[in-house]
Amino acid sequence: MPNVHLVPSDTEIAVNNVFVIGKNYIVDPARRAAQRERPLVISMKPTGAVITPPARIELPEFSGCVHFEIELVLLVGARASKVSEADALGFIAGCGVGLDLTAHDLHQEAQTKGLPWTACKGFDTAAPLSEFIDLQEIKDPQRVDFSLKVNGKTRQSGSSADMIFSFAQMVSGVSHVCTLHPGDVIFTGTPAGAGPLHSGDLLDLDCNGRVKARFEVA
């Protein structure tokens, strides 16, 4: 299994299951609040899709249009089954940033035909991850900022303040579907600005100015 690091302790943790939350960003507060009654949109990626620097992103041969989607990512630190929202933050070891790479052309076809998303989001190298900041080092989990530059130009930026579902709501919600285990990671959704990748692109990820990661597209 791939490993990630928790800072500042530099603890090494093996990644287990990879969960992906979809449709989780709305900037307008009124529209955001109106969406909180719907269930979480949850999908998964295989653990083998995870890479960390200096590994390179490999574009799959079966897709002609892979999109980048930067996301805050939560690292689970303890077994969690049907936990309450009030207790959920205690099960998060850290917060980092990653890319939910998506074969956009296949994804559109799958959505139209009602097909599974596994091939769209689960190909090799489809889950690049940074290091993780110990959650105890983050003053306000609902004010975590993150950004993505592609070839030096900012393409996406966001804040956990703009999420429909909070960190605690996501951890609690997933734990009511299936038990979470140490090393599980949860991609928390992407803000506006996702776009296509090309061979040779350089992607610079930043989470709260505390952890950074660079990936090159092969």
N, C-alpha and C. Protein backbone atom coordinates (compact mmCIF):
# COMPACT_ATOMS: atom_id res chain seq x y z
N MET A 1 0.84 -1.20 0.00
CA MET A 1 0.00 0.00 0.00
C MET A 1 0.87 1.24 0.00
N PRO A 2 0.44 2.33 -0.68
CA PRO A 2 1.20 3.58 -0.65
C PRO A 2 1.16 4.20 0.74
N ASN A 3 2.18 4.98 1.07
CA ASN A 3 2.27 5.64 2.37
C ASN A 3 2.18 7.15 2.21
N VAL A 4 1.62 7.81 3.22
CA VAL A 4 1.61 9.27 3.29
C VAL A 4 2.22 9.68 4.63
N HIS A 5 2.61 10.96 4.73
CA HIS A 5 3.23 11.46 5.94
C HIS A 5 2.33 12.46 6.66
N LEU A 6 2.32 12.36 7.98
CA LEU A 6 1.61 13.30 8.83
C LEU A 6 2.63 14.24 9.45
N VAL A 7 2.44 15.55 9.24
CA VAL A 7 3.38 16.54 9.77
C VAL A 7 2.69 17.35 10.87
N PRO A 8 3.48 17.85 11.86
CA PRO A 8 4.94 17.92 11.88
C PRO A 8 5.64 16.69 12.44
N SER A 9 4.91 15.65 12.86
CA SER A 9 5.55 14.49 13.49
C SER A 9 6.32 13.63 12.50
N ASP A 10 6.03 13.77 11.20
CA ASP A 10 6.62 12.95 10.13
C ASP A 10 6.27 11.47 10.29
N THR A 11 5.10 11.21 10.90
CA THR A 11 4.60 9.84 11.01
C THR A 11 4.20 9.32 9.64
N GLU A 12 4.59 8.09 9.32
CA GLU A 12 4.26 7.48 8.04
C GLU A 12 3.05 6.57 8.21
N ILE A 13 2.06 6.74 7.36
CA ILE A 13 0.81 5.99 7.47
C ILE A 13 0.47 5.37 6.12
N ALA A 14 0.12 4.09 6.14
CA ALA A 14 -0.28 3.40 4.91
C ALA A 14 -1.71 3.76 4.55
N VAL A 15 -1.92 4.13 3.30
CA VAL A 15 -3.27 4.48 2.83
C VAL A 15 -4.10 3.22 2.68
N ASN A 16 -5.33 3.29 3.14
CA ASN A 16 -6.24 2.16 3.08
C ASN A 16 -7.30 2.45 2.01
N ASN A 17 -8.56 2.60 2.38
CA ASN A 17 -9.62 2.89 1.42
C ASN A 17 -9.59 4.36 0.99
N VAL A 18 -10.03 4.63 -0.23
CA VAL A 18 -10.07 5.99 -0.76
C VAL A 18 -11.51 6.34 -1.13
N PHE A 19 -12.10 7.24 -0.35
CA PHE A 19 -13.48 7.69 -0.58
C PHE A 19 -13.47 9.06 -1.26
N VAL A 20 -14.46 9.30 -2.09
CA VAL A 20 -14.56 10.57 -2.82
C VAL A 20 -15.97 11.12 -2.64
N ILE A 21 -16.06 12.34 -2.11
CA ILE A 21 -17.34 13.02 -1.95
C ILE A 21 -17.56 13.96 -3.13
N GLY A 22 -18.70 13.86 -3.78
CA GLY A 22 -18.97 14.69 -4.94
C GLY A 22 -19.96 15.81 -4.64
N LYS A 23 -19.99 16.82 -5.51
CA LYS A 23 -20.97 17.91 -5.46
C LYS A 23 -21.03 18.56 -4.08
N ASN A 24 -19.88 19.05 -3.60
CA ASN A 24 -19.80 19.53 -2.22
C ASN A 24 -19.43 21.00 -2.10
N TYR A 25 -19.41 21.76 -3.19
CA TYR A 25 -19.03 23.17 -3.10
C TYR A 25 -20.08 24.07 -3.74
N ILE A 26 -20.58 25.02 -2.98
CA ILE A 26 -21.43 26.09 -3.47
C ILE A 26 -21.02 27.36 -2.73
N VAL A 27 -20.61 28.39 -3.45
CA VAL A 27 -20.12 29.61 -2.81
C VAL A 27 -21.24 30.39 -2.14
N ASP A 28 -22.43 30.41 -2.76
CA ASP A 28 -23.55 31.17 -2.21
C ASP A 28 -24.10 30.50 -0.95
N PRO A 29 -24.08 31.21 0.21
CA PRO A 29 -24.49 30.59 1.47
C PRO A 29 -25.92 30.06 1.47
N ALA A 30 -26.85 30.79 0.87
CA ALA A 30 -28.26 30.37 0.88
C ALA A 30 -28.44 29.08 0.09
N ARG A 31 -27.84 29.01 -1.09
CA ARG A 31 -27.94 27.79 -1.89
C ARG A 31 -27.22 26.63 -1.21
N ARG A 32 -26.11 26.93 -0.56
CA ARG A 32 -25.34 25.90 0.15
C ARG A 32 -26.18 25.28 1.27
N ALA A 33 -26.82 26.12 2.06
CA ALA A 33 -27.63 25.63 3.18
C ALA A 33 -28.79 24.77 2.69
N ALA A 34 -29.36 25.13 1.54
CA ALA A 34 -30.51 24.40 1.02
C ALA A 34 -30.16 22.98 0.59
N GLN A 35 -28.87 22.72 0.35
CA GLN A 35 -28.44 21.41 -0.12
C GLN A 35 -28.08 20.45 1.02
N ARG A 36 -28.07 20.93 2.25
CA ARG A 36 -27.56 20.11 3.35
C ARG A 36 -28.48 18.97 3.77
N GLU A 37 -29.70 18.96 3.26
CA GLU A 37 -30.63 17.88 3.62
C GLU A 37 -30.48 16.67 2.71
N ARG A 38 -29.79 16.83 1.59
CA ARG A 38 -29.64 15.68 0.69
C ARG A 38 -28.53 14.76 1.20
N PRO A 39 -28.53 13.49 0.76
CA PRO A 39 -27.47 12.58 1.19
C PRO A 39 -26.14 12.89 0.52
N LEU A 40 -25.06 12.42 1.13
CA LEU A 40 -23.73 12.56 0.53
C LEU A 40 -23.66 11.78 -0.77
N VAL A 41 -22.93 12.34 -1.75
CA VAL A 41 -22.61 11.62 -2.97
C VAL A 41 -21.24 10.99 -2.76
N ILE A 42 -21.17 9.67 -2.66
CA ILE A 42 -19.93 8.97 -2.30
C ILE A 42 -19.54 8.01 -3.42
N SER A 43 -18.28 8.10 -3.85
CA SER A 43 -17.70 7.10 -4.74
C SER A 43 -16.35 6.70 -4.16
N MET A 44 -15.64 5.79 -4.85
CA MET A 44 -14.36 5.31 -4.34
C MET A 44 -13.34 5.19 -5.47
N LYS A 45 -12.08 5.23 -5.08
CA LYS A 45 -10.96 4.93 -5.97
C LYS A 45 -10.19 3.75 -5.38
N PRO A 46 -9.55 2.92 -6.20
CA PRO A 46 -8.70 1.88 -5.65
C PRO A 46 -7.46 2.48 -4.99
N THR A 47 -6.95 1.81 -3.97
CA THR A 47 -5.75 2.29 -3.29
C THR A 47 -4.58 2.44 -4.27
N GLY A 48 -4.53 1.59 -5.28
CA GLY A 48 -3.44 1.65 -6.25
C GLY A 48 -3.41 2.91 -7.08
N ALA A 49 -4.49 3.73 -7.02
CA ALA A 49 -4.50 4.99 -7.75
C ALA A 49 -3.69 6.07 -7.04
N VAL A 50 -3.34 5.85 -5.76
CA VAL A 50 -2.66 6.86 -4.96
C VAL A 50 -1.18 6.96 -5.34
N ILE A 51 -0.72 8.20 -5.53
CA ILE A 51 0.70 8.48 -5.70
C ILE A 51 1.07 9.68 -4.83
N THR A 52 2.34 9.77 -4.50
CA THR A 52 2.88 10.93 -3.79
C THR A 52 4.12 11.39 -4.54
N PRO A 53 4.53 12.66 -4.35
CA PRO A 53 5.74 13.13 -5.03
C PRO A 53 6.94 12.26 -4.68
N PRO A 54 7.85 12.01 -5.63
CA PRO A 54 7.96 12.63 -6.95
C PRO A 54 7.32 11.83 -8.08
N ALA A 55 6.43 10.90 -7.77
CA ALA A 55 5.79 10.11 -8.83
C ALA A 55 5.08 11.02 -9.83
N ARG A 56 5.04 10.59 -11.09
CA ARG A 56 4.41 11.38 -12.13
C ARG A 56 3.01 10.87 -12.45
N ILE A 57 2.16 11.77 -12.90
CA ILE A 57 0.81 11.42 -13.34
C ILE A 57 0.88 10.80 -14.73
N GLU A 58 0.25 9.65 -14.89
CA GLU A 58 0.21 8.95 -16.18
C GLU A 58 -1.21 9.06 -16.75
N LEU A 59 -1.35 9.69 -17.89
CA LEU A 59 -2.66 9.81 -18.52
C LEU A 59 -3.04 8.48 -19.16
N PRO A 60 -4.25 7.96 -18.89
CA PRO A 60 -4.64 6.65 -19.42
C PRO A 60 -4.88 6.70 -20.92
N GLU A 61 -4.54 5.61 -21.58
CA GLU A 61 -4.70 5.54 -23.02
C GLU A 61 -6.17 5.53 -23.44
N PHE A 62 -7.05 5.09 -22.54
CA PHE A 62 -8.47 4.92 -22.91
C PHE A 62 -9.27 6.22 -22.81
N SER A 63 -8.63 7.32 -22.41
CA SER A 63 -9.34 8.60 -22.30
C SER A 63 -8.62 9.68 -23.09
N GLY A 64 -9.40 10.52 -23.75
CA GLY A 64 -8.81 11.63 -24.49
C GLY A 64 -8.91 12.94 -23.76
N CYS A 65 -9.43 12.93 -22.52
CA CYS A 65 -9.63 14.19 -21.79
C CYS A 65 -9.70 13.92 -20.29
N VAL A 66 -8.53 13.99 -19.63
CA VAL A 66 -8.47 13.83 -18.18
C VAL A 66 -8.48 15.20 -17.52
N HIS A 67 -9.37 15.41 -16.55
CA HIS A 67 -9.49 16.68 -15.86
C HIS A 67 -8.84 16.62 -14.48
N PHE A 68 -8.21 17.74 -14.08
CA PHE A 68 -7.74 17.90 -12.72
C PHE A 68 -8.88 18.43 -11.86
N GLU A 69 -8.93 18.00 -10.61
CA GLU A 69 -9.87 18.51 -9.62
C GLU A 69 -9.13 18.54 -8.29
N ILE A 70 -8.76 19.71 -7.80
CA ILE A 70 -8.07 19.77 -6.52
C ILE A 70 -9.08 19.66 -5.38
N GLU A 71 -8.70 18.95 -4.33
CA GLU A 71 -9.61 18.73 -3.22
C GLU A 71 -8.85 18.67 -1.90
N LEU A 72 -9.45 19.18 -0.84
CA LEU A 72 -8.97 18.87 0.50
C LEU A 72 -9.22 17.39 0.76
N VAL A 73 -8.29 16.76 1.46
CA VAL A 73 -8.39 15.33 1.73
C VAL A 73 -8.21 15.08 3.23
N LEU A 74 -9.09 14.29 3.80
CA LEU A 74 -9.02 13.96 5.22
C LEU A 74 -8.37 12.59 5.40
N LEU A 75 -7.53 12.47 6.41
CA LEU A 75 -6.88 11.21 6.74
C LEU A 75 -7.50 10.68 8.04
N VAL A 76 -8.08 9.50 7.97
CA VAL A 76 -8.72 8.90 9.14
C VAL A 76 -7.66 8.31 10.06
N GLY A 77 -7.80 8.57 11.37
CA GLY A 77 -6.79 8.11 12.32
C GLY A 77 -7.24 6.99 13.23
N ALA A 78 -8.55 6.69 13.27
CA ALA A 78 -9.06 5.66 14.17
C ALA A 78 -10.31 5.04 13.57
N ARG A 79 -10.59 3.81 13.96
CA ARG A 79 -11.77 3.11 13.48
C ARG A 79 -13.02 3.91 13.83
N ALA A 80 -13.91 4.09 12.85
CA ALA A 80 -15.10 4.91 13.05
C ALA A 80 -16.30 4.20 12.43
N SER A 81 -17.26 3.87 13.25
CA SER A 81 -18.48 3.22 12.77
C SER A 81 -19.68 3.94 13.36
N LYS A 82 -20.49 4.50 12.46
CA LYS A 82 -21.73 5.19 12.87
C LYS A 82 -21.47 6.26 13.94
N VAL A 83 -20.43 7.06 13.74
CA VAL A 83 -20.10 8.09 14.72
C VAL A 83 -20.98 9.32 14.51
N SER A 84 -21.22 10.05 15.57
CA SER A 84 -22.03 11.26 15.50
C SER A 84 -21.21 12.41 14.92
N GLU A 85 -21.90 13.42 14.41
CA GLU A 85 -21.19 14.61 13.93
C GLU A 85 -20.42 15.28 15.06
N ALA A 86 -20.96 15.24 16.26
CA ALA A 86 -20.31 15.88 17.41
C ALA A 86 -18.96 15.23 17.73
N ASP A 87 -18.84 13.93 17.46
CA ASP A 87 -17.61 13.20 17.78
C ASP A 87 -16.68 13.01 16.58
N ALA A 88 -17.16 13.32 15.38
CA ALA A 88 -16.47 12.91 14.16
C ALA A 88 -15.07 13.49 14.00
N LEU A 89 -14.85 14.75 14.39
CA LEU A 89 -13.52 15.35 14.20
C LEU A 89 -12.45 14.59 14.97
N GLY A 90 -12.82 13.92 16.03
CA GLY A 90 -11.85 13.16 16.81
C GLY A 90 -11.30 11.95 16.08
N PHE A 91 -11.91 11.58 14.98
CA PHE A 91 -11.45 10.43 14.21
C PHE A 91 -10.57 10.83 13.02
N ILE A 92 -10.37 12.14 12.85
CA ILE A 92 -9.55 12.63 11.74
C ILE A 92 -8.13 12.87 12.24
N ALA A 93 -7.16 12.21 11.60
CA ALA A 93 -5.75 12.40 11.98
C ALA A 93 -5.19 13.67 11.35
N GLY A 94 -5.54 13.94 10.10
CA GLY A 94 -4.95 15.08 9.43
C GLY A 94 -5.72 15.52 8.21
N CYS A 95 -5.31 16.66 7.68
CA CYS A 95 -5.91 17.24 6.48
C CYS A 95 -4.80 17.58 5.49
N GLY A 96 -4.97 17.17 4.27
CA GLY A 96 -4.01 17.49 3.22
C GLY A 96 -4.74 17.91 1.96
N VAL A 97 -4.06 17.78 0.84
CA VAL A 97 -4.66 18.19 -0.43
C VAL A 97 -4.29 17.14 -1.47
N GLY A 98 -5.18 16.94 -2.42
CA GLY A 98 -4.93 15.95 -3.46
C GLY A 98 -5.66 16.29 -4.74
N LEU A 99 -5.46 15.46 -5.73
CA LEU A 99 -6.12 15.63 -7.02
C LEU A 99 -7.03 14.44 -7.28
N ASP A 100 -8.30 14.73 -7.51
CA ASP A 100 -9.25 13.72 -7.94
C ASP A 100 -9.26 13.75 -9.46
N LEU A 101 -8.32 13.03 -10.07
CA LEU A 101 -8.23 13.04 -11.53
C LEU A 101 -9.36 12.21 -12.11
N THR A 102 -9.98 12.74 -13.17
CA THR A 102 -11.19 12.14 -13.73
C THR A 102 -11.09 12.09 -15.25
N ALA A 103 -11.31 10.91 -15.80
CA ALA A 103 -11.42 10.78 -17.26
C ALA A 103 -12.75 11.41 -17.66
N HIS A 104 -12.70 12.69 -18.02
CA HIS A 104 -13.91 13.50 -18.18
C HIS A 104 -14.82 12.95 -19.27
N ASP A 105 -14.26 12.50 -20.36
CA ASP A 105 -15.09 11.99 -21.45
C ASP A 105 -15.84 10.73 -21.03
N LEU A 106 -15.16 9.82 -20.34
CA LEU A 106 -15.82 8.62 -19.86
C LEU A 106 -16.83 8.93 -18.76
N HIS A 107 -16.50 9.93 -17.94
CA HIS A 107 -17.37 10.30 -16.84
C HIS A 107 -18.70 10.84 -17.37
N GLN A 108 -18.63 11.68 -18.39
CA GLN A 108 -19.86 12.22 -18.98
C GLN A 108 -20.72 11.11 -19.56
N GLU A 109 -20.07 10.15 -20.23
CA GLU A 109 -20.82 9.03 -20.81
C GLU A 109 -21.44 8.18 -19.70
N ALA A 110 -20.68 7.93 -18.63
CA ALA A 110 -21.18 7.12 -17.52
C ALA A 110 -22.38 7.78 -16.86
N GLN A 111 -22.31 9.11 -16.67
CA GLN A 111 -23.44 9.82 -16.07
C GLN A 111 -24.68 9.75 -16.95
N THR A 112 -24.47 9.90 -18.25
CA THR A 112 -25.59 9.87 -19.19
C THR A 112 -26.28 8.50 -19.21
N LYS A 113 -25.46 7.45 -19.14
CA LYS A 113 -25.99 6.09 -19.24
C LYS A 113 -26.25 5.43 -17.89
N GLY A 114 -25.94 6.13 -16.81
CA GLY A 114 -26.14 5.55 -15.49
C GLY A 114 -25.18 4.43 -15.16
N LEU A 115 -23.94 4.53 -15.66
CA LEU A 115 -22.93 3.49 -15.47
C LEU A 115 -22.02 3.83 -14.29
N PRO A 116 -21.31 2.83 -13.75
CA PRO A 116 -20.38 3.09 -12.64
C PRO A 116 -19.24 4.03 -13.05
N TRP A 117 -18.62 4.65 -12.04
CA TRP A 117 -17.57 5.64 -12.29
C TRP A 117 -16.16 5.08 -12.09
N THR A 118 -16.01 3.79 -11.86
CA THR A 118 -14.71 3.23 -11.46
C THR A 118 -13.62 3.53 -12.47
N ALA A 119 -13.86 3.27 -13.74
CA ALA A 119 -12.84 3.52 -14.75
C ALA A 119 -12.55 5.01 -14.89
N CYS A 120 -13.57 5.84 -14.69
CA CYS A 120 -13.41 7.29 -14.85
C CYS A 120 -12.48 7.88 -13.80
N LYS A 121 -12.53 7.35 -12.57
CA LYS A 121 -11.81 7.95 -11.45
C LYS A 121 -10.79 7.02 -10.81
N GLY A 122 -10.70 5.76 -11.27
CA GLY A 122 -9.87 4.80 -10.58
C GLY A 122 -8.63 4.34 -11.30
N PHE A 123 -8.29 4.98 -12.42
CA PHE A 123 -7.11 4.53 -13.17
C PHE A 123 -5.82 4.80 -12.39
N ASP A 124 -4.74 4.14 -12.78
CA ASP A 124 -3.45 4.31 -12.11
C ASP A 124 -3.06 5.79 -12.07
N THR A 125 -2.57 6.25 -10.93
CA THR A 125 -2.11 7.61 -10.65
C THR A 125 -3.26 8.62 -10.57
N ALA A 126 -4.50 8.18 -10.44
CA ALA A 126 -5.65 9.09 -10.44
C ALA A 126 -5.89 9.76 -9.09
N ALA A 127 -5.04 9.48 -8.09
CA ALA A 127 -5.25 10.07 -6.76
C ALA A 127 -3.94 10.58 -6.17
N PRO A 128 -3.34 11.62 -6.76
CA PRO A 128 -2.12 12.20 -6.19
C PRO A 128 -2.41 12.86 -4.83
N LEU A 129 -1.53 12.65 -3.86
CA LEU A 129 -1.72 13.18 -2.51
C LEU A 129 -0.48 13.91 -2.01
N SER A 130 -0.72 14.94 -1.20
CA SER A 130 0.34 15.66 -0.50
C SER A 130 0.59 14.98 0.85
N GLU A 131 1.42 15.61 1.67
CA GLU A 131 1.51 15.27 3.08
C GLU A 131 0.22 15.75 3.77
N PHE A 132 0.05 15.35 5.02
CA PHE A 132 -1.13 15.74 5.80
C PHE A 132 -0.72 16.52 7.04
N ILE A 133 -1.43 17.62 7.30
CA ILE A 133 -1.21 18.41 8.50
C ILE A 133 -2.00 17.77 9.64
N ASP A 134 -1.36 17.53 10.76
CA ASP A 134 -2.07 17.04 11.94
C ASP A 134 -3.24 17.97 12.22
N LEU A 135 -4.44 17.39 12.39
CA LEU A 135 -5.63 18.23 12.57
C LEU A 135 -5.51 19.12 13.80
N GLN A 136 -4.73 18.71 14.78
CA GLN A 136 -4.53 19.53 15.98
C GLN A 136 -3.78 20.82 15.67
N GLU A 137 -3.10 20.85 14.52
CA GLU A 137 -2.34 22.02 14.10
C GLU A 137 -3.20 23.02 13.33
N ILE A 138 -4.43 22.65 13.03
CA ILE A 138 -5.32 23.51 12.24
C ILE A 138 -6.29 24.20 13.19
N LYS A 139 -6.23 25.53 13.25
CA LYS A 139 -7.05 26.28 14.20
C LYS A 139 -8.53 26.13 13.95
N ASP A 140 -8.94 26.19 12.67
CA ASP A 140 -10.36 26.13 12.34
C ASP A 140 -10.56 25.23 11.12
N PRO A 141 -11.02 23.99 11.30
CA PRO A 141 -11.21 23.09 10.16
C PRO A 141 -12.19 23.63 9.11
N GLN A 142 -13.02 24.59 9.50
CA GLN A 142 -13.96 25.16 8.53
C GLN A 142 -13.41 26.42 7.87
N ARG A 143 -12.11 26.63 7.99
CA ARG A 143 -11.46 27.76 7.31
C ARG A 143 -10.11 27.30 6.75
N VAL A 144 -10.11 26.17 6.08
CA VAL A 144 -8.88 25.65 5.48
C VAL A 144 -8.87 26.06 4.01
N ASP A 145 -7.84 26.79 3.60
CA ASP A 145 -7.72 27.27 2.23
C ASP A 145 -6.80 26.36 1.42
N PHE A 146 -7.06 26.26 0.14
CA PHE A 146 -6.22 25.43 -0.72
C PHE A 146 -6.25 25.96 -2.14
N SER A 147 -5.25 25.59 -2.93
CA SER A 147 -5.18 26.11 -4.29
C SER A 147 -4.36 25.19 -5.19
N LEU A 148 -4.56 25.36 -6.48
CA LEU A 148 -3.83 24.60 -7.49
C LEU A 148 -3.33 25.54 -8.57
N LYS A 149 -2.04 25.45 -8.86
CA LYS A 149 -1.46 26.14 -10.01
C LYS A 149 -1.10 25.10 -11.06
N VAL A 150 -1.40 25.40 -12.31
CA VAL A 150 -1.00 24.56 -13.43
C VAL A 150 -0.07 25.38 -14.30
N ASN A 151 1.16 24.92 -14.41
CA ASN A 151 2.20 25.65 -15.16
C ASN A 151 2.34 27.09 -14.66
N GLY A 152 2.27 27.25 -13.33
CA GLY A 152 2.49 28.55 -12.71
C GLY A 152 1.28 29.45 -12.62
N LYS A 153 0.16 29.05 -13.20
CA LYS A 153 -1.05 29.88 -13.19
C LYS A 153 -2.10 29.26 -12.26
N THR A 154 -2.67 30.06 -11.36
CA THR A 154 -3.70 29.55 -10.46
C THR A 154 -4.96 29.18 -11.25
N ARG A 155 -5.35 27.92 -11.13
CA ARG A 155 -6.52 27.43 -11.85
C ARG A 155 -7.70 27.14 -10.94
N GLN A 156 -7.42 26.74 -9.69
CA GLN A 156 -8.48 26.49 -8.74
C GLN A 156 -8.05 26.98 -7.36
N SER A 157 -9.01 27.48 -6.60
CA SER A 157 -8.76 27.83 -5.21
C SER A 157 -10.08 27.70 -4.46
N GLY A 158 -9.98 27.37 -3.18
CA GLY A 158 -11.20 27.19 -2.42
C GLY A 158 -10.93 27.20 -0.94
N SER A 159 -11.99 27.03 -0.18
CA SER A 159 -11.92 27.00 1.27
C SER A 159 -12.96 26.02 1.79
N SER A 160 -12.64 25.35 2.89
CA SER A 160 -13.63 24.45 3.49
C SER A 160 -14.87 25.22 3.94
N ALA A 161 -14.76 26.55 4.05
CA ALA A 161 -15.93 27.37 4.41
C ALA A 161 -17.02 27.30 3.35
N ASP A 162 -16.67 26.96 2.12
CA ASP A 162 -17.63 26.92 1.03
C ASP A 162 -18.20 25.52 0.79
N MET A 163 -17.90 24.58 1.68
CA MET A 163 -18.42 23.23 1.54
C MET A 163 -19.89 23.15 1.97
N ILE A 164 -20.66 22.34 1.28
CA ILE A 164 -22.02 22.04 1.72
C ILE A 164 -21.97 21.24 3.01
N PHE A 165 -21.12 20.21 3.03
CA PHE A 165 -20.99 19.35 4.19
C PHE A 165 -19.63 19.59 4.85
N SER A 166 -19.63 19.75 6.17
CA SER A 166 -18.40 19.99 6.92
C SER A 166 -17.57 18.71 7.03
N PHE A 167 -16.34 18.85 7.50
CA PHE A 167 -15.50 17.68 7.75
C PHE A 167 -16.25 16.68 8.64
N ALA A 168 -16.83 17.18 9.73
CA ALA A 168 -17.51 16.31 10.68
C ALA A 168 -18.71 15.61 10.03
N GLN A 169 -19.47 16.33 9.21
CA GLN A 169 -20.63 15.73 8.55
C GLN A 169 -20.21 14.64 7.57
N MET A 170 -19.11 14.86 6.86
CA MET A 170 -18.65 13.86 5.90
C MET A 170 -18.16 12.60 6.59
N VAL A 171 -17.34 12.77 7.63
CA VAL A 171 -16.84 11.59 8.36
C VAL A 171 -17.99 10.82 8.98
N SER A 172 -18.91 11.53 9.62
CA SER A 172 -20.07 10.87 10.20
C SER A 172 -20.90 10.18 9.13
N GLY A 173 -21.14 10.88 8.02
CA GLY A 173 -21.97 10.31 6.96
C GLY A 173 -21.37 9.06 6.35
N VAL A 174 -20.07 9.09 6.03
CA VAL A 174 -19.44 7.90 5.46
C VAL A 174 -19.45 6.76 6.46
N SER A 175 -19.20 7.08 7.75
CA SER A 175 -19.14 6.03 8.77
C SER A 175 -20.48 5.35 8.99
N HIS A 176 -21.57 5.99 8.57
CA HIS A 176 -22.88 5.35 8.66
C HIS A 176 -23.17 4.48 7.43
N VAL A 177 -22.34 4.60 6.40
CA VAL A 177 -22.45 3.72 5.23
C VAL A 177 -21.55 2.51 5.39
N CYS A 178 -20.31 2.76 5.80
CA CYS A 178 -19.36 1.68 6.03
C CYS A 178 -18.35 2.12 7.07
N THR A 179 -17.79 1.18 7.79
CA THR A 179 -16.84 1.49 8.85
C THR A 179 -15.56 2.07 8.26
N LEU A 180 -15.10 3.18 8.83
CA LEU A 180 -13.83 3.77 8.44
C LEU A 180 -12.71 3.17 9.28
N HIS A 181 -11.52 3.06 8.66
CA HIS A 181 -10.37 2.46 9.33
C HIS A 181 -9.17 3.40 9.25
N PRO A 182 -8.23 3.27 10.17
CA PRO A 182 -7.02 4.10 10.10
C PRO A 182 -6.35 3.98 8.73
N GLY A 183 -5.97 5.11 8.19
CA GLY A 183 -5.37 5.14 6.86
C GLY A 183 -6.34 5.38 5.73
N ASP A 184 -7.65 5.29 6.00
CA ASP A 184 -8.63 5.68 4.98
C ASP A 184 -8.48 7.17 4.69
N VAL A 185 -8.71 7.57 3.46
CA VAL A 185 -8.70 8.98 3.10
C VAL A 185 -10.02 9.34 2.45
N ILE A 186 -10.44 10.59 2.65
CA ILE A 186 -11.71 11.08 2.12
C ILE A 186 -11.44 12.35 1.31
N PHE A 187 -11.59 12.26 -0.01
CA PHE A 187 -11.55 13.45 -0.87
C PHE A 187 -12.88 14.19 -0.67
N THR A 188 -12.81 15.50 -0.47
CA THR A 188 -13.99 16.23 0.02
C THR A 188 -14.71 17.08 -1.02
N GLY A 189 -14.41 16.89 -2.31
CA GLY A 189 -15.09 17.66 -3.34
C GLY A 189 -14.24 18.80 -3.86
N THR A 190 -14.56 19.27 -5.05
CA THR A 190 -13.73 20.28 -5.71
C THR A 190 -14.50 21.56 -5.99
N PRO A 191 -13.84 22.73 -5.86
CA PRO A 191 -14.48 24.00 -6.23
C PRO A 191 -14.46 24.19 -7.75
N ALA A 192 -14.97 25.30 -8.20
CA ALA A 192 -15.02 25.58 -9.64
C ALA A 192 -13.61 25.70 -10.22
N GLY A 193 -13.52 25.45 -11.54
CA GLY A 193 -12.26 25.67 -12.24
C GLY A 193 -11.57 24.44 -12.76
N ALA A 194 -12.14 23.24 -12.55
CA ALA A 194 -11.51 22.02 -13.05
C ALA A 194 -11.32 22.11 -14.56
N GLY A 195 -10.26 21.47 -15.05
CA GLY A 195 -9.98 21.55 -16.48
C GLY A 195 -9.04 20.44 -16.94
N PRO A 196 -8.74 20.41 -18.24
CA PRO A 196 -7.99 19.29 -18.81
C PRO A 196 -6.49 19.35 -18.53
N LEU A 197 -5.90 18.15 -18.47
CA LEU A 197 -4.46 17.99 -18.31
C LEU A 197 -3.81 17.62 -19.64
N HIS A 198 -2.53 17.99 -19.75
CA HIS A 198 -1.76 17.65 -20.94
C HIS A 198 -0.38 17.17 -20.53
N SER A 199 0.21 16.34 -21.36
CA SER A 199 1.56 15.85 -21.09
C SER A 199 2.52 17.02 -20.90
N GLY A 200 3.34 16.95 -19.85
CA GLY A 200 4.29 18.01 -19.55
C GLY A 200 3.80 19.05 -18.57
N ASP A 201 2.51 19.05 -18.23
CA ASP A 201 1.99 20.01 -17.27
C ASP A 201 2.64 19.81 -15.90
N LEU A 202 2.86 20.93 -15.21
CA LEU A 202 3.33 20.91 -13.83
C LEU A 202 2.23 21.43 -12.93
N LEU A 203 1.88 20.65 -11.91
CA LEU A 203 0.79 21.02 -11.01
C LEU A 203 1.34 21.24 -9.61
N ASP A 204 1.08 22.42 -9.05
CA ASP A 204 1.52 22.78 -7.71
C ASP A 204 0.32 22.91 -6.79
N LEU A 205 0.27 22.07 -5.76
CA LEU A 205 -0.84 22.03 -4.81
C LEU A 205 -0.41 22.68 -3.50
N ASP A 206 -1.34 23.40 -2.88
CA ASP A 206 -1.05 24.06 -1.60
C ASP A 206 -2.24 23.89 -0.67
N CYS A 207 -1.96 23.57 0.59
CA CYS A 207 -2.98 23.45 1.61
C CYS A 207 -2.64 24.35 2.78
N ASN A 208 -3.38 25.45 2.92
CA ASN A 208 -3.25 26.37 4.05
C ASN A 208 -1.84 26.95 4.19
N GLY A 209 -1.05 26.90 3.12
CA GLY A 209 0.32 27.37 3.19
C GLY A 209 1.23 26.48 4.00
N ARG A 210 0.71 25.34 4.45
CA ARG A 210 1.47 24.46 5.35
C ARG A 210 2.08 23.26 4.64
N VAL A 211 1.35 22.68 3.70
CA VAL A 211 1.90 21.57 2.92
C VAL A 211 1.73 21.88 1.44
N LYS A 212 2.73 21.50 0.68
CA LYS A 212 2.73 21.72 -0.76
C LYS A 212 3.16 20.43 -1.44
N ALA A 213 2.72 20.25 -2.67
CA ALA A 213 3.12 19.09 -3.45
C ALA A 213 3.16 19.48 -4.92
N ARG A 214 4.12 18.93 -5.64
CA ARG A 214 4.22 19.19 -7.09
C ARG A 214 4.16 17.85 -7.82
N PHE A 215 3.37 17.83 -8.89
CA PHE A 215 3.27 16.64 -9.74
C PHE A 215 3.45 17.06 -11.20
N GLU A 216 4.13 16.22 -11.93
CA GLU A 216 4.32 16.43 -13.37
C GLU A 216 3.52 15.39 -14.12
N VAL A 217 2.92 15.81 -15.23
CA VAL A 217 2.19 14.88 -16.09
C VAL A 217 3.16 14.30 -17.10
N ALA A 218 3.26 12.99 -17.13
CA ALA A 218 4.19 12.31 -18.04
C ALA A 218 3.80 12.55 -19.50
